[in-house]
C-alpha cells in the first residue's frame, strides 16, 4: 500500500513537481503548501514526483504556483477534484 493508495472524499488537487527529488524537497513543499489558507493536508512523494493537496475550501492552482515560485519548484496540475 503506497502513499497515494488511500482514497479521500475531501476536495484535493493532484500535482506533479518534476524538480522534487528527495526527502528535503518533500518537507519543503509540504511545509510551504500547508501554510496556504484552506489546505488541510499535503502528501508529497519524491519518488513519483507527485503531491496531493487536500483542502477544506477551494484553493486555486495559482495560489500553489505563487507559494512555490521562490523555491523554483514548478508544479503541474494533474487533477482537481472538488
Protein backbone atom coordinates (compact mmCIF):
# COMPACT_ATOMS: atom_id res chain seq x y z
CA UNK A 1 0.00 0.00 0.00
CA UNK A 2 1.72 3.19 -1.18
CA UNK A 3 1.45 6.82 -0.28
CA UNK A 4 -1.20 7.51 -2.89
CA UNK A 5 -3.33 4.42 -2.38
CA UNK A 6 -5.70 5.98 0.15
CA UNK A 7 -8.85 7.39 -1.35
CA UNK A 8 -10.13 10.63 0.04
CA UNK A 9 -13.55 12.17 -0.32
CA UNK A 10 -12.14 15.60 0.61
CA UNK A 11 -11.55 18.15 -2.15
CA UNK A 12 -8.00 17.85 -3.37
CA UNK A 13 -5.53 18.72 -6.08
CA UNK A 14 -3.01 16.28 -7.53
CA UNK A 15 0.24 17.84 -8.71
CA UNK A 16 3.40 16.70 -10.39
CA UNK A 17 6.56 18.53 -9.36
CA UNK A 18 9.42 17.40 -11.63
CA UNK A 19 12.10 19.13 -9.51
CA UNK A 20 11.16 17.23 -6.31
CA UNK A 21 13.91 14.66 -5.84
CA UNK A 22 14.49 13.96 -2.14
CA UNK A 23 13.08 13.97 1.39
CA UNK A 24 14.21 17.56 1.88
CA UNK A 25 12.16 18.58 -1.17
CA UNK A 26 9.14 16.71 0.24
CA UNK A 27 9.43 18.53 3.59
CA UNK A 28 9.92 21.94 1.97
CA UNK A 29 6.92 21.53 -0.32
CA UNK A 30 4.75 20.12 2.46
CA UNK A 31 5.63 22.98 4.83
CA UNK A 32 5.03 25.67 2.24
CA UNK A 33 1.74 24.29 0.92
CA UNK A 34 0.35 23.57 4.39
CA UNK A 35 0.71 27.31 5.13
CA UNK A 36 -1.85 28.18 2.41
CA UNK A 37 -5.23 29.13 3.89
CA UNK A 38 -7.66 26.26 3.30
CA UNK A 39 -5.07 23.50 2.89
CA UNK A 40 -5.64 20.73 5.45
CA UNK A 41 -3.11 18.08 4.38
CA UNK A 42 -0.23 17.67 1.95
CA UNK A 43 1.24 14.33 0.90
CA UNK A 44 4.44 14.61 -1.12
CA UNK A 45 6.30 11.69 -2.70
CA UNK A 46 9.67 12.42 -4.30
CA UNK A 47 9.89 9.01 -5.95
CA UNK A 48 6.72 9.54 -8.01
CA UNK A 49 7.18 13.35 -8.03
CA UNK A 50 3.53 13.70 -7.05
CA UNK A 51 1.82 15.78 -4.39
CA UNK A 52 -1.75 15.52 -3.12
CA UNK A 53 -3.10 18.72 -1.56
CA UNK A 54 -6.29 18.24 0.47
CA UNK A 55 -8.41 21.31 1.14
CA UNK A 56 -11.31 22.35 3.33
CA UNK A 57 -12.26 25.15 0.96
CA UNK A 58 -11.32 25.96 -2.64
CA UNK A 59 -7.62 26.61 -3.20
CA UNK A 60 -6.52 27.72 -6.63
CA UNK A 61 -3.64 26.20 -8.54
CA UNK A 62 -2.37 29.75 -8.99
CA UNK A 63 -2.05 30.09 -5.19
CA UNK A 64 0.06 26.93 -5.13
CA UNK A 65 2.24 28.17 -8.01
CA UNK A 66 2.82 31.53 -6.29
CA UNK A 67 3.66 29.85 -2.98
CA UNK A 68 6.27 27.59 -4.58
CA UNK A 69 7.68 30.18 -7.02
CA UNK A 70 10.54 31.35 -4.74
CA UNK A 71 11.77 27.75 -4.42
CA UNK A 72 12.00 27.09 -8.18
CA UNK A 73 9.62 24.13 -7.87
CA UNK A 74 7.29 24.20 -10.88
CA UNK A 75 4.08 22.31 -10.14
CA UNK A 76 1.92 20.87 -12.90
CA UNK A 77 -1.76 20.26 -12.15
CA UNK A 78 -2.70 16.62 -12.79
CA UNK A 79 -6.19 16.64 -11.28
CA UNK A 80 -8.53 18.92 -9.42
CA UNK A 81 -11.25 17.02 -7.56
CA UNK A 82 -13.56 19.46 -5.80
